[in-house]
Structures are given as C-alpha cells and as structure tokens.
N, C-alpha and C. Protein backbone atom coordinates (compact mmCIF):
# COMPACT_ATOMS: atom_id res chain seq x y z
N MET A 1 -17.64 -4.67 -11.21
CA MET A 1 -16.81 -3.51 -11.45
C MET A 1 -16.79 -2.59 -10.23
N ALA A 2 -17.96 -2.49 -9.58
CA ALA A 2 -18.03 -1.65 -8.38
C ALA A 2 -17.15 -2.21 -7.27
N ALA A 3 -17.10 -3.54 -7.17
CA ALA A 3 -16.25 -4.16 -6.14
C ALA A 3 -14.78 -3.89 -6.42
N LEU A 4 -14.38 -3.93 -7.67
CA LEU A 4 -12.99 -3.66 -8.03
C LEU A 4 -12.62 -2.21 -7.71
N ILE A 5 -13.49 -1.28 -8.07
CA ILE A 5 -13.21 0.13 -7.81
C ILE A 5 -13.17 0.40 -6.31
N SER A 6 -14.11 -0.17 -5.56
CA SER A 6 -14.11 0.05 -4.11
C SER A 6 -12.89 -0.59 -3.47
N GLY A 7 -12.45 -1.73 -3.99
CA GLY A 7 -11.24 -2.36 -3.46
C GLY A 7 -10.00 -1.52 -3.71
N VAL A 8 -9.89 -0.97 -4.91
CA VAL A 8 -8.74 -0.11 -5.24
C VAL A 8 -8.76 1.14 -4.38
N LEU A 9 -9.91 1.78 -4.26
CA LEU A 9 -10.00 3.00 -3.45
C LEU A 9 -9.77 2.69 -1.97
N GLY A 10 -10.29 1.56 -1.50
CA GLY A 10 -10.06 1.18 -0.10
C GLY A 10 -8.60 0.93 0.19
N SER A 11 -7.92 0.25 -0.72
CA SER A 11 -6.49 0.00 -0.52
C SER A 11 -5.70 1.31 -0.57
N TRP A 12 -6.12 2.22 -1.44
CA TRP A 12 -5.46 3.52 -1.51
C TRP A 12 -5.60 4.26 -0.19
N ILE A 13 -6.78 4.22 0.41
CA ILE A 13 -7.00 4.91 1.69
C ILE A 13 -6.12 4.30 2.78
N VAL A 14 -6.04 2.98 2.83
CA VAL A 14 -5.23 2.31 3.85
C VAL A 14 -3.75 2.65 3.66
N ILE A 15 -3.28 2.65 2.42
CA ILE A 15 -1.88 2.97 2.16
C ILE A 15 -1.58 4.42 2.54
N VAL A 16 -2.47 5.34 2.20
CA VAL A 16 -2.26 6.75 2.54
C VAL A 16 -2.26 6.94 4.05
N MET A 17 -3.17 6.25 4.75
CA MET A 17 -3.21 6.37 6.21
C MET A 17 -1.90 5.85 6.82
N GLY A 18 -1.39 4.74 6.32
CA GLY A 18 -0.12 4.22 6.81
C GLY A 18 1.03 5.15 6.50
N TYR A 19 1.02 5.73 5.31
CA TYR A 19 2.07 6.67 4.91
C TYR A 19 2.07 7.89 5.82
N VAL A 20 0.88 8.44 6.09
CA VAL A 20 0.78 9.62 6.95
C VAL A 20 1.22 9.28 8.37
N ARG A 21 0.83 8.11 8.86
CA ARG A 21 1.21 7.71 10.22
C ARG A 21 2.72 7.56 10.33
N GLU A 22 3.32 6.86 9.39
CA GLU A 22 4.76 6.63 9.47
C GLU A 22 5.55 7.90 9.23
N SER A 23 5.07 8.77 8.36
CA SER A 23 5.79 10.02 8.13
C SER A 23 5.69 10.93 9.35
N ALA A 24 4.63 10.79 10.14
CA ALA A 24 4.53 11.57 11.38
C ALA A 24 5.46 11.02 12.45
N ARG A 25 5.68 9.69 12.44
CA ARG A 25 6.56 9.08 13.44
C ARG A 25 8.03 9.38 13.15
N SER A 26 8.43 9.24 11.91
CA SER A 26 9.84 9.46 11.57
C SER A 26 9.93 10.19 10.24
N PRO A 27 9.71 11.50 10.25
CA PRO A 27 9.66 12.24 8.98
C PRO A 27 10.97 12.23 8.21
N TRP A 28 12.11 12.05 8.90
CA TRP A 28 13.39 12.06 8.19
C TRP A 28 13.51 10.89 7.23
N LEU A 29 12.78 9.81 7.47
CA LEU A 29 12.83 8.68 6.55
C LEU A 29 12.04 8.96 5.28
N PHE A 30 10.98 9.73 5.37
CA PHE A 30 10.11 9.96 4.23
C PHE A 30 10.45 11.25 3.48
N TYR A 31 10.94 12.24 4.19
CA TYR A 31 11.19 13.52 3.54
C TYR A 31 12.67 13.76 3.27
N LYS A 32 13.52 12.85 3.71
CA LYS A 32 14.98 12.98 3.50
C LYS A 32 15.46 14.35 3.98
N ILE A 33 15.16 14.68 5.22
CA ILE A 33 15.55 15.97 5.78
C ILE A 33 17.06 15.97 5.99
N VAL A 34 17.71 16.97 5.42
CA VAL A 34 19.16 17.10 5.51
C VAL A 34 19.47 18.26 6.45
N PRO A 35 20.15 17.99 7.58
CA PRO A 35 20.49 19.09 8.48
C PRO A 35 21.53 20.02 7.84
N VAL A 36 21.36 21.29 8.06
CA VAL A 36 22.32 22.28 7.56
C VAL A 36 22.79 23.11 8.75
N PRO A 37 23.92 23.77 8.62
CA PRO A 37 24.40 24.59 9.75
C PRO A 37 23.36 25.64 10.15
N GLY A 38 23.26 25.86 11.43
CA GLY A 38 22.30 26.82 11.94
C GLY A 38 21.04 26.16 12.48
N GLY A 39 20.95 24.85 12.40
CA GLY A 39 19.83 24.14 12.97
C GLY A 39 18.59 24.09 12.10
N GLN A 40 18.65 24.55 10.85
CA GLN A 40 17.49 24.50 9.98
C GLN A 40 17.51 23.20 9.17
N THR A 41 16.32 22.77 8.79
CA THR A 41 16.22 21.59 7.93
C THR A 41 15.36 21.93 6.73
N TYR A 42 15.68 21.34 5.60
CA TYR A 42 14.94 21.58 4.37
C TYR A 42 14.38 20.27 3.88
N PRO A 43 13.08 20.06 4.04
CA PRO A 43 12.51 18.79 3.61
C PRO A 43 12.44 18.69 2.09
N THR A 44 12.71 17.49 1.60
CA THR A 44 12.57 17.20 0.18
C THR A 44 11.48 16.15 0.04
N PRO A 45 10.27 16.54 -0.38
CA PRO A 45 9.17 15.57 -0.46
C PRO A 45 9.45 14.46 -1.47
N VAL A 46 8.87 13.32 -1.21
CA VAL A 46 8.99 12.19 -2.13
C VAL A 46 8.18 12.52 -3.38
N PRO A 47 8.74 12.29 -4.58
CA PRO A 47 7.98 12.59 -5.81
C PRO A 47 6.72 11.75 -5.92
N ALA A 48 5.71 12.31 -6.57
CA ALA A 48 4.41 11.64 -6.69
C ALA A 48 4.52 10.34 -7.47
N TYR A 49 5.38 10.27 -8.48
CA TYR A 49 5.49 9.04 -9.26
C TYR A 49 6.04 7.89 -8.42
N GLN A 50 6.91 8.18 -7.44
CA GLN A 50 7.41 7.12 -6.57
C GLN A 50 6.30 6.60 -5.66
N ILE A 51 5.47 7.49 -5.16
CA ILE A 51 4.34 7.08 -4.32
C ILE A 51 3.37 6.24 -5.14
N PHE A 52 3.08 6.67 -6.37
CA PHE A 52 2.15 5.93 -7.22
C PHE A 52 2.72 4.57 -7.61
N ALA A 53 4.02 4.51 -7.91
CA ALA A 53 4.64 3.23 -8.26
C ALA A 53 4.60 2.27 -7.07
N LEU A 54 4.89 2.77 -5.89
CA LEU A 54 4.82 1.93 -4.69
C LEU A 54 3.40 1.46 -4.44
N TRP A 55 2.43 2.33 -4.66
CA TRP A 55 1.03 1.95 -4.49
C TRP A 55 0.65 0.84 -5.45
N LEU A 56 1.10 0.93 -6.70
CA LEU A 56 0.79 -0.12 -7.67
C LEU A 56 1.42 -1.45 -7.28
N ILE A 57 2.64 -1.42 -6.78
CA ILE A 57 3.31 -2.65 -6.36
C ILE A 57 2.56 -3.28 -5.18
N ILE A 58 2.22 -2.46 -4.19
CA ILE A 58 1.49 -2.97 -3.02
C ILE A 58 0.13 -3.49 -3.43
N LEU A 59 -0.56 -2.77 -4.33
CA LEU A 59 -1.86 -3.21 -4.80
C LEU A 59 -1.77 -4.55 -5.52
N ALA A 60 -0.74 -4.74 -6.33
CA ALA A 60 -0.56 -6.02 -7.03
C ALA A 60 -0.29 -7.15 -6.04
N LEU A 61 0.52 -6.89 -5.03
CA LEU A 61 0.80 -7.93 -4.03
C LEU A 61 -0.45 -8.28 -3.23
N VAL A 62 -1.20 -7.27 -2.82
CA VAL A 62 -2.44 -7.52 -2.07
C VAL A 62 -3.43 -8.30 -2.92
N PHE A 63 -3.55 -7.92 -4.19
CA PHE A 63 -4.45 -8.63 -5.10
C PHE A 63 -4.02 -10.09 -5.26
N ALA A 64 -2.72 -10.33 -5.40
CA ALA A 64 -2.23 -11.70 -5.55
C ALA A 64 -2.53 -12.53 -4.31
N VAL A 65 -2.31 -11.96 -3.13
CA VAL A 65 -2.58 -12.69 -1.89
C VAL A 65 -4.05 -13.04 -1.79
N PHE A 66 -4.93 -12.07 -2.02
CA PHE A 66 -6.36 -12.34 -1.93
C PHE A 66 -6.83 -13.28 -3.02
N TRP A 67 -6.25 -13.20 -4.21
CA TRP A 67 -6.63 -14.08 -5.32
C TRP A 67 -6.30 -15.54 -4.97
N PHE A 68 -5.06 -15.78 -4.54
CA PHE A 68 -4.67 -17.15 -4.23
C PHE A 68 -5.38 -17.67 -2.98
N THR A 69 -5.62 -16.79 -2.01
CA THR A 69 -6.35 -17.21 -0.82
C THR A 69 -7.78 -17.59 -1.17
N SER A 70 -8.43 -16.81 -2.02
CA SER A 70 -9.81 -17.12 -2.38
C SER A 70 -9.90 -18.40 -3.21
N ARG A 71 -8.89 -18.68 -4.01
CA ARG A 71 -8.90 -19.91 -4.81
C ARG A 71 -8.74 -21.14 -3.91
N VAL A 72 -7.96 -21.01 -2.87
CA VAL A 72 -7.73 -22.15 -1.97
C VAL A 72 -8.93 -22.37 -1.07
N THR A 73 -9.54 -21.28 -0.57
CA THR A 73 -10.60 -21.41 0.43
C THR A 73 -12.00 -21.38 -0.17
N SER A 74 -12.12 -21.24 -1.48
CA SER A 74 -13.46 -21.16 -2.07
C SER A 74 -14.11 -22.54 -2.12
N TYR A 75 -15.43 -22.55 -2.19
CA TYR A 75 -16.21 -23.79 -2.19
C TYR A 75 -16.33 -24.30 -3.62
N HIS A 76 -15.93 -25.55 -3.82
CA HIS A 76 -16.01 -26.19 -5.13
C HIS A 76 -16.92 -27.42 -5.01
N PRO A 77 -18.17 -27.32 -5.44
CA PRO A 77 -19.08 -28.45 -5.27
C PRO A 77 -18.64 -29.69 -6.05
N GLU A 78 -17.96 -29.51 -7.16
CA GLU A 78 -17.55 -30.68 -7.95
C GLU A 78 -16.43 -31.47 -7.27
N ARG A 79 -15.73 -30.85 -6.31
CA ARG A 79 -14.67 -31.55 -5.60
C ARG A 79 -15.04 -31.81 -4.14
N GLU A 80 -16.31 -31.95 -3.87
CA GLU A 80 -16.77 -32.12 -2.49
C GLU A 80 -16.29 -33.44 -1.89
N GLU A 81 -16.15 -34.47 -2.71
CA GLU A 81 -15.73 -35.77 -2.21
C GLU A 81 -14.28 -35.76 -1.74
N GLU A 82 -13.46 -34.90 -2.32
CA GLU A 82 -12.04 -34.86 -1.96
C GLU A 82 -11.81 -34.27 -0.58
N VAL A 83 -12.70 -33.42 -0.13
CA VAL A 83 -12.50 -32.71 1.13
C VAL A 83 -12.87 -33.52 2.30
C-alpha cells in the first residue's frame, strides 16, 4: 500500500513540475490569455477538475505501461526452459 501511495504522489509531483515548466514557457496555452485593447491581458486559469481529470488519465496510462512492462520483464521460474 505504501508503494502505491508513493507512486501516486510521485507521479503527481512529476506532472505538476511539468505543468509549471510548460506554463512558464508558453502561458497563453495554459491560461488562455485573451488580448484586449490597451495591451492588457486577462488570464483565465484552467479549472481544477480539468487538471485532476488529466492527472487521472496520465496516471492510468503510466500504470498500464509499467504493469505490462513488469509482466513481460518479470522473472518466471516455471517458464525458465522457454527463455
């Protein structure tokens, strides 16, 4: 259980770090900044539920990749003759 929790928290940290990095590089993609006359911009932050939904999708994909990779590369003593 501790491994699962640490994996979820670790993936959350990596996703947040990537989000912060990319939003610093091109904030108009993440905040949907709309230029208005006079040179001012009004950022519209991404809603929290969209961030959470994206995190769940990425977490599921990462879990699937690691699950199938571990099944292929794991050691199976009963099938030692096949290898």
